[in-house]
């Protein structure tokens, strides 16, 4: 079992790209290696769909954060996916297009399956 929260970022600025937030510091064992593996698998799944990691937040697609209660309180591997920066017009077009949303869904699903060893 894993927990994946899916969002579209509303960050100010013009930076494009997705990022996957993880709890930091990890408060439970599930937030350590298992959540990192989930986050890395989600990054890989989104990259396979042609999406690039964020240029404005995180590093190599991962963003370790201490301020997200849903991640901090999780007792299973957990990650929060910010699919795109909605302040970026090009990314907003992809997120509002059904085919673009399908690509995000396929990338996230592939990441979850990879994290579960399937």
PDB file of N, CA and C in Angstrom:
ATOM      1  N   UNK A   1       0.845  -1.165   0.000  1.00  0.00           N
ATOM      2  CA  UNK A   1       0.000   0.000   0.000  1.00  0.00           C
ATOM      3  C   UNK A   1       0.898   1.238   0.000  1.00  0.00           C
ATOM      4  N   UNK A   2       0.509   2.221  -0.799  1.00  0.00           N
ATOM      5  CA  UNK A   2       1.190   3.521  -0.845  1.00  0.00           C
ATOM      6  C   UNK A   2       0.129   4.618  -0.871  1.00  0.00           C
ATOM      7  N   UNK A   3       0.552   5.830  -0.568  1.00  0.00           N
ATOM      8  CA  UNK A   3      -0.327   6.999  -0.671  1.00  0.00           C
ATOM      9  C   UNK A   3       0.312   7.985  -1.635  1.00  0.00           C
ATOM     10  N   UNK A   4      -0.444   8.367  -2.666  1.00  0.00           N
ATOM     11  CA  UNK A   4       0.040   9.332  -3.648  1.00  0.00           C
ATOM     12  C   UNK A   4      -1.029  10.410  -3.796  1.00  0.00           C
ATOM     13  N   UNK A   5      -0.648  11.637  -3.513  1.00  0.00           N
ATOM     14  CA  UNK A   5      -1.525  12.789  -3.648  1.00  0.00           C
ATOM     15  C   UNK A   5      -1.143  13.509  -4.942  1.00  0.00           C
ATOM     16  N   UNK A   6      -2.133  13.813  -5.772  1.00  0.00           N
ATOM     17  CA  UNK A   6      -1.874  14.379  -7.101  1.00  0.00           C
ATOM     18  C   UNK A   6      -2.399  15.806  -7.169  1.00  0.00           C
ATOM     19  N   UNK A   7      -1.523  16.714  -7.602  1.00  0.00           N
ATOM     20  CA  UNK A   7      -1.846  18.139  -7.652  1.00  0.00           C
ATOM     21  C   UNK A   7      -1.277  18.776  -8.921  1.00  0.00           C
ATOM     22  N   UNK A   8      -1.650  20.006  -9.167  1.00  0.00           N
ATOM     23  CA  UNK A   8      -0.997  20.882 -10.133  1.00  0.00           C
ATOM     24  C   UNK A   8      -0.581  22.117  -9.344  1.00  0.00           C
ATOM     25  N   UNK A   9       0.673  22.461  -9.398  1.00  0.00           N
ATOM     26  CA  UNK A   9       1.247  23.530  -8.590  1.00  0.00           C
ATOM     27  C   UNK A   9       0.751  24.894  -9.063  1.00  0.00           C
ATOM     28  N   UNK A  10       0.654  25.811  -8.123  1.00  0.00           N
ATOM     29  CA  UNK A  10       0.306  27.186  -8.463  1.00  0.00           C
ATOM     30  C   UNK A  10       1.432  28.113  -8.025  1.00  0.00           C
ATOM     31  N   UNK A  11       2.659  27.634  -8.182  1.00  0.00           N
ATOM     32  CA  UNK A  11       3.828  28.403  -7.743  1.00  0.00           C
ATOM     33  C   UNK A  11       3.969  29.671  -8.573  1.00  0.00           C
ATOM     34  N   UNK A  12       4.348  30.743  -7.925  1.00  0.00           N
ATOM     35  CA  UNK A  12       4.619  31.954  -8.706  1.00  0.00           C
ATOM     36  C   UNK A  12       5.876  31.748  -9.541  1.00  0.00           C
ATOM     37  N   UNK A  13       5.964  32.455 -10.610  1.00  0.00           N
ATOM     38  CA  UNK A  13       7.152  32.347 -11.448  1.00  0.00           C
ATOM     39  C   UNK A  13       6.890  31.604 -12.726  1.00  0.00           C
ATOM     40  N   UNK A  14       7.927  31.500 -13.530  1.00  0.00           N
ATOM     41  CA  UNK A  14       7.763  30.928 -14.865  1.00  0.00           C
ATOM     42  C   UNK A  14       8.384  29.556 -15.007  1.00  0.00           C
ATOM     43  N   UNK A  15       8.870  28.958 -13.948  1.00  0.00           N
ATOM     44  CA  UNK A  15       9.543  27.676 -14.088  1.00  0.00           C
ATOM     45  C   UNK A  15       8.588  26.554 -14.395  1.00  0.00           C
ATOM     46  N   UNK A  16       8.892  25.762 -15.399  1.00  0.00           N
ATOM     47  CA  UNK A  16       8.054  24.608 -15.722  1.00  0.00           C
ATOM     48  C   UNK A  16       8.536  23.355 -14.997  1.00  0.00           C
ATOM     49  N   UNK A  17       7.773  22.289 -15.132  1.00  0.00           N
ATOM     50  CA  UNK A  17       8.188  20.977 -14.672  1.00  0.00           C
ATOM     51  C   UNK A  17       7.389  20.460 -13.491  1.00  0.00           C
ATOM     52  N   UNK A  18       7.507  19.149 -13.293  1.00  0.00           N
ATOM     53  CA  UNK A  18       6.852  18.480 -12.174  1.00  0.00           C
ATOM     54  C   UNK A  18       7.854  18.301 -11.042  1.00  0.00           C
ATOM     55  N   UNK A  19       7.339  18.078  -9.852  1.00  0.00           N
ATOM     56  CA  UNK A  19       8.180  17.635  -8.750  1.00  0.00           C
ATOM     57  C   UNK A  19       7.365  16.734  -7.835  1.00  0.00           C
ATOM     58  N   UNK A  20       8.077  15.858  -7.135  1.00  0.00           N
ATOM     59  CA  UNK A  20       7.468  14.903  -6.229  1.00  0.00           C
ATOM     60  C   UNK A  20       7.947  15.240  -4.817  1.00  0.00           C
ATOM     61  N   UNK A  21       7.015  15.625  -3.949  1.00  0.00           N
ATOM     62  CA  UNK A  21       7.356  15.992  -2.580  1.00  0.00           C
ATOM     63  C   UNK A  21       7.387  14.754  -1.694  1.00  0.00           C
ATOM     64  N   UNK A  22       8.376  14.738  -0.795  1.00  0.00           N
ATOM     65  CA  UNK A  22       8.529  13.682   0.206  1.00  0.00           C
ATOM     66  C   UNK A  22       8.693  14.337   1.571  1.00  0.00           C
ATOM     67  N   UNK A  23       8.323  13.630   2.628  1.00  0.00           N
ATOM     68  CA  UNK A  23       8.456  14.155   3.982  1.00  0.00           C
ATOM     69  C   UNK A  23       9.930  14.275   4.364  1.00  0.00           C
ATOM     70  N   UNK A  24      10.276  15.407   4.964  1.00  0.00           N
ATOM     71  CA  UNK A  24      11.637  15.613   5.467  1.00  0.00           C
ATOM     72  C   UNK A  24      11.564  16.553   6.650  1.00  0.00           C
ATOM     73  N   UNK A  25      12.072  16.196   7.782  1.00  0.00           N
ATOM     74  CA  UNK A  25      12.699  14.906   8.041  1.00  0.00           C
ATOM     75  C   UNK A  25      11.639  13.812   8.139  1.00  0.00           C
ATOM     76  N   UNK A  26      12.036  12.582   7.824  1.00  0.00           N
ATOM     77  CA  UNK A  26      11.076  11.481   7.919  1.00  0.00           C
ATOM     78  C   UNK A  26      10.706  11.224   9.379  1.00  0.00           C
ATOM     79  N   UNK A  27       9.409  11.124   9.652  1.00  0.00           N
ATOM     80  CA  UNK A  27       8.938  10.915  11.013  1.00  0.00           C
ATOM     81  C   UNK A  27       8.569   9.464  11.296  1.00  0.00           C
ATOM     82  N   UNK A  28       8.454   8.653  10.255  1.00  0.00           N
ATOM     83  CA  UNK A  28       8.122   7.230  10.396  1.00  0.00           C
ATOM     84  C   UNK A  28       9.033   6.436   9.466  1.00  0.00           C
ATOM     85  N   UNK A  29       9.221   5.181   9.792  1.00  0.00           N
ATOM     86  CA  UNK A  29      10.094   4.324   8.972  1.00  0.00           C
ATOM     87  C   UNK A  29       9.630   4.276   7.522  1.00  0.00           C
ATOM     88  N   UNK A  30       8.310   4.296   7.299  1.00  0.00           N
ATOM     89  CA  UNK A  30       7.777   4.233   5.932  1.00  0.00           C
ATOM     90  C   UNK A  30       8.154   5.445   5.098  1.00  0.00           C
ATOM     91  N   UNK A  31       8.540   6.531   5.760  1.00  0.00           N
ATOM     92  CA  UNK A  31       8.891   7.760   5.049  1.00  0.00           C
ATOM     93  C   UNK A  31      10.358   7.788   4.647  1.00  0.00           C
ATOM     94  N   UNK A  32      11.132   6.837   5.089  1.00  0.00           N
ATOM     95  CA  UNK A  32      12.558   6.812   4.754  1.00  0.00           C
ATOM     96  C   UNK A  32      12.740   6.153   3.395  1.00  0.00           C
ATOM     97  N   UNK A  33      13.408   5.047   3.333  1.00  0.00           N
ATOM     98  CA  UNK A  33      13.713   4.381   2.063  1.00  0.00           C
ATOM     99  C   UNK A  33      12.454   4.056   1.247  1.00  0.00           C
ATOM    100  N   UNK A  34      11.365   3.556   1.868  1.00  0.00           N
ATOM    101  CA  UNK A  34      10.191   3.236   1.040  1.00  0.00           C
ATOM    102  C   UNK A  34       9.589   4.453   0.327  1.00  0.00           C
ATOM    103  N   UNK A  35       9.503   5.585   1.018  1.00  0.00           N
ATOM    104  CA  UNK A  35       8.964   6.777   0.362  1.00  0.00           C
ATOM    105  C   UNK A  35       9.925   7.315  -0.687  1.00  0.00           C
ATOM    106  N   UNK A  36      11.220   7.237  -0.405  1.00  0.00           N
ATOM    107  CA  UNK A  36      12.207   7.676  -1.402  1.00  0.00           C
ATOM    108  C   UNK A  36      12.094   6.822  -2.653  1.00  0.00           C
ATOM    109  N   UNK A  37      11.959   5.506  -2.482  1.00  0.00           N
ATOM    110  CA  UNK A  37      11.813   4.612  -3.640  1.00  0.00           C
ATOM    111  C   UNK A  37      10.541   4.943  -4.420  1.00  0.00           C
ATOM    112  N   UNK A  38       9.454   5.223  -3.712  1.00  0.00           N
ATOM    113  CA  UNK A  38       8.206   5.616  -4.374  1.00  0.00           C
ATOM    114  C   UNK A  38       8.414   6.906  -5.154  1.00  0.00           C
ATOM    115  N   UNK A  39       9.032   7.897  -4.529  1.00  0.00           N
ATOM    116  CA  UNK A  39       9.274   9.170  -5.204  1.00  0.00           C
ATOM    117  C   UNK A  39      10.126   9.010  -6.447  1.00  0.00           C
ATOM    118  N   UNK A  40      11.182   8.226  -6.348  1.00  0.00           N
ATOM    119  CA  UNK A  40      12.053   8.000  -7.506  1.00  0.00           C
ATOM    120  C   UNK A  40      11.310   7.268  -8.616  1.00  0.00           C
ATOM    121  N   UNK A  41      10.452   6.314  -8.249  1.00  0.00           N
ATOM    122  CA  UNK A  41       9.667   5.594  -9.256  1.00  0.00           C
ATOM    123  C   UNK A  41       8.668   6.528  -9.942  1.00  0.00           C
ATOM    124  N   UNK A  42       8.063   7.433  -9.185  1.00  0.00           N
ATOM    125  CA  UNK A  42       7.138   8.404  -9.782  1.00  0.00           C
ATOM    126  C   UNK A  42       7.869   9.339 -10.735  1.00  0.00           C
ATOM    127  N   UNK A  43       9.048   9.799 -10.350  1.00  0.00           N
ATOM    128  CA  UNK A  43       9.860  10.646 -11.238  1.00  0.00           C
ATOM    129  C   UNK A  43      10.141   9.892 -12.536  1.00  0.00           C
ATOM    130  N   UNK A  44      10.569   8.649 -12.428  1.00  0.00           N
ATOM    131  CA  UNK A  44      10.884   7.854 -13.620  1.00  0.00           C
ATOM    132  C   UNK A  44       9.657   7.665 -14.500  1.00  0.00           C
ATOM    133  N   UNK A  45       8.498   7.399 -13.889  1.00  0.00           N
ATOM    134  CA  UNK A  45       7.274   7.212 -14.666  1.00  0.00           C
ATOM    135  C   UNK A  45       6.871   8.469 -15.412  1.00  0.00           C
ATOM    136  N   UNK A  46       6.992   9.611 -14.772  1.00  0.00           N
ATOM    137  CA  UNK A  46       6.648  10.873 -15.440  1.00  0.00           C
ATOM    138  C   UNK A  46       7.659  11.215 -16.530  1.00  0.00           C
ATOM    139  N   UNK A  47       8.930  10.944 -16.269  1.00  0.00           N
ATOM    140  CA  UNK A  47       9.936  11.192 -17.309  1.00  0.00           C
ATOM    141  C   UNK A  47       9.711  10.295 -18.514  1.00  0.00           C
ATOM    142  N   UNK A  48       9.260   9.069 -18.303  1.00  0.00           N
ATOM    143  CA  UNK A  48       8.969   8.164 -19.430  1.00  0.00           C
ATOM    144  C   UNK A  48       7.840   8.709 -20.300  1.00  0.00           C
ATOM    145  N   UNK A  49       6.984   9.516 -19.729  1.00  0.00           N
ATOM    146  CA  UNK A  49       5.895  10.126 -20.497  1.00  0.00           C
ATOM    147  C   UNK A  49       6.323  11.437 -21.152  1.00  0.00           C
ATOM    148  N   UNK A  50       7.595  11.787 -21.013  1.00  0.00           N
ATOM    149  CA  UNK A  50       8.117  12.982 -21.665  1.00  0.00           C
ATOM    150  C   UNK A  50       8.065  14.243 -20.832  1.00  0.00           C
ATOM    151  N   UNK A  51       7.715  14.130 -19.553  1.00  0.00           N
ATOM    152  CA  UNK A  51       7.672  15.294 -18.677  1.00  0.00           C
ATOM    153  C   UNK A  51       9.043  15.531 -18.046  1.00  0.00           C
ATOM    154  N   UNK A  52       9.380  16.790 -17.867  1.00  0.00           N
ATOM    155  CA  UNK A  52      10.682  17.163 -17.299  1.00  0.00           C
ATOM    156  C   UNK A  52      10.506  17.584 -15.845  1.00  0.00           C
ATOM    157  N   UNK A  53      11.501  17.257 -15.016  1.00  0.00           N
ATOM    158  CA  UNK A  53      11.449  17.713 -13.612  1.00  0.00           C
ATOM    159  C   UNK A  53      11.486  19.232 -13.518  1.00  0.00           C
ATOM    160  N   UNK A  54      10.965  19.721 -12.433  1.00  0.00           N
ATOM    161  CA  UNK A  54      10.874  21.148 -12.161  1.00  0.00           C
ATOM    162  C   UNK A  54      12.224  21.854 -12.251  1.00  0.00           C
ATOM    163  N   UNK A  55      12.177  23.066 -12.783  1.00  0.00           N
ATOM    164  CA  UNK A  55      13.356  23.931 -12.795  1.00  0.00           C
ATOM    165  C   UNK A  55      13.301  24.934 -11.655  1.00  0.00           C
ATOM    166  N   UNK A  56      12.218  24.932 -10.882  1.00  0.00           N
ATOM    167  CA  UNK A  56      12.036  25.945  -9.847  1.00  0.00           C
ATOM    168  C   UNK A  56      11.934  25.368  -8.442  1.00  0.00           C
ATOM    169  N   UNK A  57      11.842  24.059  -8.295  1.00  0.00           N
ATOM    170  CA  UNK A  57      11.687  23.478  -6.960  1.00  0.00           C
ATOM    171  C   UNK A  57      12.251  22.059  -6.934  1.00  0.00           C
ATOM    172  N   UNK A  58      12.957  21.731  -5.859  1.00  0.00           N
ATOM    173  CA  UNK A  58      13.482  20.385  -5.688  1.00  0.00           C
ATOM    174  C   UNK A  58      14.745  20.154  -6.492  1.00  0.00           C
ATOM    175  N   UNK A  59      15.158  18.898  -6.496  1.00  0.00           N
ATOM    176  CA  UNK A  59      16.361  18.499  -7.219  1.00  0.00           C
ATOM    177  C   UNK A  59      16.110  17.156  -7.887  1.00  0.00           C
ATOM    178  N   UNK A  60      16.326  17.095  -9.188  1.00  0.00           N
ATOM    179  CA  UNK A  60      16.111  15.873  -9.976  1.00  0.00           C
ATOM    180  C   UNK A  60      14.685  15.342  -9.798  1.00  0.00           C
ATOM    181  N   UNK A  61      13.733  16.257  -9.649  1.00  0.00           N
ATOM    182  CA  UNK A  61      12.334  15.874  -9.542  1.00  0.00           C
ATOM    183  C   UNK A  61      11.835  15.605  -8.133  1.00  0.00           C
ATOM    184  N   UNK A  62      12.734  15.508  -7.151  1.00  0.00           N
ATOM    185  CA  UNK A  62      12.331  15.250  -5.764  1.00  0.00           C
ATOM    186  C   UNK A  62      12.446  16.520  -4.934  1.00  0.00           C
ATOM    187  N   UNK A  63      11.456  16.743  -4.093  1.00  0.00           N
ATOM    188  CA  UNK A  63      11.406  17.937  -3.247  1.00  0.00           C
ATOM    189  C   UNK A  63      11.099  17.491  -1.822  1.00  0.00           C
ATOM    190  N   UNK A  64      12.098  17.489  -0.977  1.00  0.00           N
ATOM    191  CA  UNK A  64      11.922  17.060   0.417  1.00  0.00           C
ATOM    192  C   UNK A  64      11.428  18.247   1.239  1.00  0.00           C
ATOM    193  N   UNK A  65      10.261  18.041   1.898  1.00  0.00           N
ATOM    194  CA  UNK A  65       9.593  19.165   2.576  1.00  0.00           C
ATOM    195  C   UNK A  65       9.160  18.793   3.991  1.00  0.00           C
ATOM    196  N   UNK A  66       9.290  19.745   4.912  1.00  0.00           N
ATOM    197  CA  UNK A  66       8.864  19.506   6.286  1.00  0.00           C
ATOM    198  C   UNK A  66       7.462  20.029   6.605  1.00  0.00           C
ATOM    199  N   UNK A  67       6.759  20.548   5.603  1.00  0.00           N
ATOM    200  CA  UNK A  67       5.541  21.314   5.883  1.00  0.00           C
ATOM    201  C   UNK A  67       4.260  20.728   5.304  1.00  0.00           C
ATOM    202  N   UNK A  68       4.236  19.449   5.000  1.00  0.00           N
ATOM    203  CA  UNK A  68       3.038  18.850   4.413  1.00  0.00           C
ATOM    204  C   UNK A  68       2.516  17.745   5.334  1.00  0.00           C
ATOM    205  N   UNK A  69       1.473  18.045   6.070  1.00  0.00           N
ATOM    206  CA  UNK A  69       0.960  17.123   7.082  1.00  0.00           C
ATOM    207  C   UNK A  69       0.580  15.768   6.502  1.00  0.00           C
ATOM    208  N   UNK A  70       0.043  15.740   5.299  1.00  0.00           N
ATOM    209  CA  UNK A  70      -0.336  14.473   4.685  1.00  0.00           C
ATOM    210  C   UNK A  70       0.846  13.535   4.520  1.00  0.00           C
ATOM    211  N   UNK A  71       2.007  14.091   4.262  1.00  0.00           N
ATOM    212  CA  UNK A  71       3.220  13.281   4.175  1.00  0.00           C
ATOM    213  C   UNK A  71       3.796  13.022   5.558  1.00  0.00           C
ATOM    214  N   UNK A  72       3.817  14.047   6.397  1.00  0.00           N
ATOM    215  CA  UNK A  72       4.404  13.925   7.735  1.00  0.00           C
ATOM    216  C   UNK A  72       3.698  12.881   8.591  1.00  0.00           C
ATOM    217  N   UNK A  73       2.402  12.736   8.418  1.00  0.00           N
ATOM    218  CA  UNK A  73       1.623  11.826   9.257  1.00  0.00           C
ATOM    219  C   UNK A  73       1.407  10.458   8.621  1.00  0.00           C
ATOM    220  N   UNK A  74       1.884  10.248   7.411  1.00  0.00           N
ATOM    221  CA  UNK A  74       1.681   8.983   6.704  1.00  0.00           C
ATOM    222  C   UNK A  74       2.396   7.836   7.417  1.00  0.00           C
ATOM    223  N   UNK A  75       1.773   6.686   7.395  1.00  0.00           N
ATOM    224  CA  UNK A  75       2.373   5.479   7.966  1.00  0.00           C
ATOM    225  C   UNK A  75       2.628   4.423   6.899  1.00  0.00           C
ATOM    226  N   UNK A  76       2.430   4.815   5.655  1.00  0.00           N
ATOM    227  CA  UNK A  76       2.779   3.992   4.487  1.00  0.00           C
ATOM    228  C   UNK A  76       3.661   4.873   3.603  1.00  0.00           C
ATOM    229  N   UNK A  77       4.399   4.299   2.668  1.00  0.00           N
ATOM    230  CA  UNK A  77       5.175   5.136   1.745  1.00  0.00           C
ATOM    231  C   UNK A  77       4.252   6.158   1.091  1.00  0.00           C
ATOM    232  N   UNK A  78       4.674   7.428   1.125  1.00  0.00           N
ATOM    233  CA  UNK A  78       3.799   8.496   0.654  1.00  0.00           C
ATOM    234  C   UNK A  78       4.577   9.526  -0.153  1.00  0.00           C
ATOM    235  N   UNK A  79       3.902  10.086  -1.155  1.00  0.00           N
ATOM    236  CA  UNK A  79       4.480  11.138  -1.991  1.00  0.00           C
ATOM    237  C   UNK A  79       3.358  12.038  -2.485  1.00  0.00           C
ATOM    238  N   UNK A  80       3.715  13.280  -2.773  1.00  0.00           N
ATOM    239  CA  UNK A  80       2.785  14.243  -3.338  1.00  0.00           C
ATOM    240  C   UNK A  80       3.355  14.676  -4.689  1.00  0.00           C
ATOM    241  N   UNK A  81       2.591  14.465  -5.744  1.00  0.00           N
ATOM    242  CA  UNK A  81       3.034  14.815  -7.097  1.00  0.00           C
ATOM    243  C   UNK A  81       2.441  16.161  -7.490  1.00  0.00           C
ATOM    244  N   UNK A  82       3.319  17.114  -7.784  1.00  0.00           N
ATOM    245  CA  UNK A  82       2.903  18.378  -8.397  1.00  0.00           C
ATOM    246  C   UNK A  82       3.175  18.207  -9.888  1.00  0.00           C
ATOM    247  N   UNK A  83       2.122  17.942 -10.656  1.00  0.00           N
ATOM    248  CA  UNK A  83       2.283  17.579 -12.065  1.00  0.00           C
ATOM    249  C   UNK A  83       2.886  18.690 -12.910  1.00  0.00           C
ATOM    250  N   UNK A  84       2.543  19.914 -12.625  1.00  0.00           N
ATOM    251  CA  UNK A  84       2.950  21.017 -13.486  1.00  0.00           C
ATOM    252  C   UNK A  84       2.815  22.324 -12.728  1.00  0.00           C
ATOM    253  N   UNK A  85       3.453  23.354 -13.245  1.00  0.00           N
ATOM    254  CA  UNK A  85       3.292  24.699 -12.693  1.00  0.00           C
ATOM    255  C   UNK A  85       2.213  25.404 -13.514  1.00  0.00           C
ATOM    256  N   UNK A  86       1.057  25.588 -12.916  1.00  0.00           N
ATOM    257  CA  UNK A  86      -0.064  26.184 -13.646  1.00  0.00           C
ATOM    258  C   UNK A  86       0.176  27.645 -14.010  1.00  0.00           C
ATOM    259  N   UNK A  87       1.205  28.274 -13.411  1.00  0.00           N
ATOM    260  CA  UNK A  87       1.548  29.646 -13.791  1.00  0.00           C
ATOM    261  C   UNK A  87       2.278  29.678 -15.135  1.00  0.00           C
ATOM    262  N   UNK A  88       2.740  28.516 -15.591  1.00  0.00           N
ATOM    263  CA  UNK A  88       3.414  28.415 -16.878  1.00  0.00           C
ATOM    264  C   UNK A  88       2.352  28.110 -17.943  1.00  0.00           C
ATOM    265  N   UNK A  89       2.147  29.010 -18.921  1.00  0.00           N
ATOM    266  CA  UNK A  89       1.064  28.814 -19.894  1.00  0.00           C
ATOM    267  C   UNK A  89       1.151  27.493 -20.662  1.00  0.00           C
ATOM    268  N   UNK A  90       2.343  27.070 -21.033  1.00  0.00           N
ATOM    269  CA  UNK A  90       2.488  25.814 -21.771  1.00  0.00           C
ATOM    270  C   UNK A  90       2.072  24.621 -20.931  1.00  0.00           C
ATOM    271  N   UNK A  91       2.455  24.626 -19.681  1.00  0.00           N
ATOM    272  CA  UNK A  91       2.083  23.520 -18.801  1.00  0.00           C
ATOM    273  C   UNK A  91       0.593  23.538 -18.489  1.00  0.00           C
ATOM    274  N   UNK A  92       0.032  24.725 -18.340  1.00  0.00           N
ATOM    275  CA  UNK A  92      -1.406  24.824 -18.086  1.00  0.00           C
ATOM    276  C   UNK A  92      -2.188  24.223 -19.247  1.00  0.00           C
ATOM    277  N   UNK A  93      -1.709  24.426 -20.481  1.00  0.00           N
ATOM    278  CA  UNK A  93      -2.388  23.838 -21.651  1.00  0.00           C
ATOM    279  C   UNK A  93      -2.354  22.305 -21.585  1.00  0.00           C
ATOM    280  N   UNK A  94      -1.212  21.732 -21.190  1.00  0.00           N
ATOM    281  CA  UNK A  94      -1.102  20.269 -21.120  1.00  0.00           C
ATOM    282  C   UNK A  94      -2.037  19.716 -20.050  1.00  0.00           C
ATOM    283  N   UNK A  95      -2.076  20.360 -18.886  1.00  0.00           N
ATOM    284  CA  UNK A  95      -2.910  19.882 -17.783  1.00  0.00           C
ATOM    285  C   UNK A  95      -4.393  19.989 -18.108  1.00  0.00           C
ATOM    286  N   UNK A  96      -4.784  20.985 -18.878  1.00  0.00           N
ATOM    287  CA  UNK A  96      -6.202  21.147 -19.204  1.00  0.00           C
ATOM    288  C   UNK A  96      -6.629  20.334 -20.416  1.00  0.00           C
ATOM    289  N   UNK A  97      -5.701  19.688 -21.095  1.00  0.00           N
ATOM    290  CA  UNK A  97      -5.994  18.848 -22.258  1.00  0.00           C
ATOM    291  C   UNK A  97      -6.207  17.401 -21.803  1.00  0.00           C
ATOM    292  N   UNK A  98      -7.298  16.751 -22.203  1.00  0.00           N
ATOM    293  CA  UNK A  98      -7.522  15.358 -21.784  1.00  0.00           C
ATOM    294  C   UNK A  98      -6.349  14.431 -22.127  1.00  0.00           C
ATOM    295  N   UNK A  99      -5.743  14.613 -23.289  1.00  0.00           N
ATOM    296  CA  UNK A  99      -4.609  13.760 -23.661  1.00  0.00           C
ATOM    297  C   UNK A  99      -3.411  14.022 -22.742  1.00  0.00           C
ATOM    298  N   UNK A 100      -3.209  15.269 -22.349  1.00  0.00           N
ATOM    299  CA  UNK A 100      -2.133  15.597 -21.421  1.00  0.00           C
ATOM    300  C   UNK A 100      -2.369  14.976 -20.057  1.00  0.00           C
ATOM    301  N   UNK A 101      -3.601  15.064 -19.576  1.00  0.00           N
ATOM    302  CA  UNK A 101      -3.927  14.445 -18.282  1.00  0.00           C
ATOM    303  C   UNK A 101      -3.751  12.937 -18.339  1.00  0.00           C
ATOM    304  N   UNK A 102      -4.065  12.335 -19.487  1.00  0.00           N
ATOM    305  CA  UNK A 102      -3.874  10.890 -19.642  1.00  0.00           C
ATOM    306  C   UNK A 102      -2.395  10.530 -19.539  1.00  0.00           C
ATOM    307  N   UNK A 103      -1.533  11.343 -20.135  1.00  0.00           N
ATOM    308  CA  UNK A 103      -0.090  11.100 -20.028  1.00  0.00           C
ATOM    309  C   UNK A 103       0.378  11.193 -18.579  1.00  0.00           C
ATOM    310  N   UNK A 104      -0.114  12.194 -17.847  1.00  0.00           N
ATOM    311  CA  UNK A 104       0.230  12.296 -16.421  1.00  0.00           C
ATOM    312  C   UNK A 104      -0.243  11.041 -15.687  1.00  0.00           C
ATOM    313  N   UNK A 105      -1.480  10.638 -15.939  1.00  0.00           N
ATOM    314  CA  UNK A 105      -2.035   9.467 -15.256  1.00  0.00           C
ATOM    315  C   UNK A 105      -1.215   8.214 -15.550  1.00  0.00           C
ATOM    316  N   UNK A 106      -0.821   8.045 -16.797  1.00  0.00           N
ATOM    317  CA  UNK A 106      -0.033   6.867 -17.160  1.00  0.00           C
ATOM    318  C   UNK A 106       1.344   6.894 -16.505  1.00  0.00           C
ATOM    319  N   UNK A 107       1.957   8.062 -16.431  1.00  0.00           N
ATOM    320  CA  UNK A 107       3.256   8.176 -15.779  1.00  0.00           C
ATOM    321  C   UNK A 107       3.176   7.898 -14.292  1.00  0.00           C
ATOM    322  N   UNK A 108       2.150   8.430 -13.640  1.00  0.00           N
ATOM    323  CA  UNK A 108       1.974   8.210 -12.203  1.00  0.00           C
ATOM    324  C   UNK A 108       1.658   6.742 -11.934  1.00  0.00           C
ATOM    325  N   UNK A 109       0.768   6.158 -12.731  1.00  0.00           N
ATOM    326  CA  UNK A 109       0.430   4.742 -12.552  1.00  0.00           C
ATOM    327  C   UNK A 109       1.663   3.853 -12.743  1.00  0.00           C
ATOM    328  N   UNK A 110       2.467   4.153 -13.739  1.00  0.00           N
ATOM    329  CA  UNK A 110       3.685   3.365 -13.971  1.00  0.00           C
ATOM    330  C   UNK A 110       4.630   3.489 -12.778  1.00  0.00           C
ATOM    331  N   UNK A 111       4.721   4.679 -12.203  1.00  0.00           N
ATOM    332  CA  UNK A 111       5.567   4.873 -11.032  1.00  0.00           C
ATOM    333  C   UNK A 111       5.078   4.087  -9.833  1.00  0.00           C
ATOM    334  N   UNK A 112       3.777   4.099  -9.615  1.00  0.00           N
ATOM    335  CA  UNK A 112       3.216   3.350  -8.491  1.00  0.00           C
ATOM    336  C   UNK A 112       3.455   1.852  -8.681  1.00  0.00           C
ATOM    337  N   UNK A 113       3.197   1.361  -9.874  1.00  0.00           N
ATOM    338  CA  UNK A 113       3.424  -0.059 -10.142  1.00  0.00           C
ATOM    339  C   UNK A 113       4.885  -0.443  -9.961  1.00  0.00           C
ATOM    340  N   UNK A 114       5.768   0.415 -10.416  1.00  0.00           N
ATOM    341  CA  UNK A 114       7.206   0.153 -10.242  1.00  0.00           C
ATOM    342  C   UNK A 114       7.557   0.100  -8.753  1.00  0.00           C
ATOM    343  N   UNK A 115       7.033   1.040  -7.978  1.00  0.00           N
ATOM    344  CA  UNK A 115       7.308   1.065  -6.538  1.00  0.00           C
ATOM    345  C   UNK A 115       6.769  -0.170  -5.831  1.00  0.00           C
ATOM    346  N   UNK A 116       5.683  -0.721  -6.337  1.00  0.00           N
ATOM    347  CA  UNK A 116       5.095  -1.918  -5.750  1.00  0.00           C
ATOM    348  C   UNK A 116       5.727  -3.205  -6.279  1.00  0.00           C
ATOM    349  N   UNK A 117       6.701  -3.054  -7.182  1.00  0.00           N
ATOM    350  CA  UNK A 117       7.392  -4.224  -7.723  1.00  0.00           C
ATOM    351  C   UNK A 117       6.603  -4.985  -8.763  1.00  0.00           C
ATOM    352  N   UNK A 118       5.763  -4.277  -9.482  1.00  0.00           N
ATOM    353  CA  UNK A 118       4.945  -4.934 -10.519  1.00  0.00           C
ATOM    354  C   UNK A 118       5.313  -4.464 -11.897  1.00  0.00           C
TER     355      UNK A 118
END
